[in-house]
Protein backbone atom coordinates (compact mmCIF):
# COMPACT_ATOMS: atom_id res chain seq x y z
CA UNK A 1 -10.31 -10.29 -28.02
CA UNK A 2 -7.52 -9.75 -25.29
CA UNK A 3 -6.55 -6.60 -24.18
CA UNK A 4 -3.23 -4.61 -25.79
CA UNK A 5 -1.28 -3.42 -23.34
CA UNK A 6 0.13 -0.24 -23.58
CA UNK A 7 4.00 -0.64 -24.47
CA UNK A 8 6.29 0.35 -21.76
CA UNK A 9 8.81 3.73 -22.48
CA UNK A 10 11.68 3.26 -23.06
CA UNK A 11 14.52 4.41 -20.11
CA UNK A 12 17.33 6.80 -20.41
CA UNK A 13 20.69 6.54 -19.82
CA UNK A 14 20.29 7.96 -16.61
CA UNK A 15 17.13 5.59 -15.64
CA UNK A 16 19.15 2.89 -16.36
CA UNK A 17 21.93 3.73 -14.25
CA UNK A 18 20.27 4.86 -11.61
CA UNK A 19 18.36 1.24 -11.52
CA UNK A 20 21.67 -0.72 -11.55
CA UNK A 21 23.20 1.19 -8.58
CA UNK A 22 23.57 0.31 -5.02
CA UNK A 23 20.13 0.59 -2.74
CA UNK A 24 22.20 3.20 -0.80
CA UNK A 25 23.26 5.57 -3.90
CA UNK A 26 20.41 5.38 -5.11
CA UNK A 27 18.18 6.22 -1.63
CA UNK A 28 20.79 9.42 -1.69
CA UNK A 29 19.61 10.03 -5.21
CA UNK A 30 15.92 10.71 -4.00
CA UNK A 31 16.38 12.33 -1.09
CA UNK A 32 18.74 14.91 -2.67
CA UNK A 33 15.87 15.50 -5.11
CA UNK A 34 14.09 15.78 -2.87
CA UNK A 35 15.65 18.94 -1.35
CA UNK A 36 15.74 20.05 -5.18
CA UNK A 37 12.07 19.81 -5.21
CA UNK A 38 11.02 21.26 -2.20
CA UNK A 39 12.89 24.40 -3.65
CA UNK A 40 11.18 26.77 -6.05
CA UNK A 41 12.41 27.36 -9.82
CA UNK A 42 15.58 30.31 -9.72
CA UNK A 43 15.70 30.76 -6.18
CA UNK A 44 18.51 30.74 -3.78
CA UNK A 45 19.47 27.16 -1.97
CA UNK A 46 20.96 28.45 0.73
CA UNK A 47 23.29 25.73 2.30
CA UNK A 48 22.42 22.56 -0.05
CA UNK A 49 25.31 21.90 -0.21
CA UNK A 50 25.27 20.81 3.36
CA UNK A 51 22.61 19.28 3.12
CA UNK A 52 23.61 16.98 -0.06
CA UNK A 53 27.03 16.15 2.27
CA UNK A 54 24.38 15.58 5.21
CA UNK A 55 23.14 12.43 3.14
CA UNK A 56 25.78 11.87 1.68
CA UNK A 57 27.51 11.22 4.80
CA UNK A 58 24.09 9.27 6.32
CA UNK A 59 24.72 6.80 3.42
CA UNK A 60 28.45 6.32 4.02
CA UNK A 61 27.61 5.05 7.85
């Protein structure tokens, strides 16, 4: 009897957009989200704008 594989979940619009984005953009988004994950919920994010800007500059170079 063949095994049934689990159906693949449908991708959201944002997931589809992420997958279709250039590699540089995906890398930038991953880096920014990693910085956000390191911040505790509802705490202030000191220098988060500077961190995001630094990620963007790295990708643009």
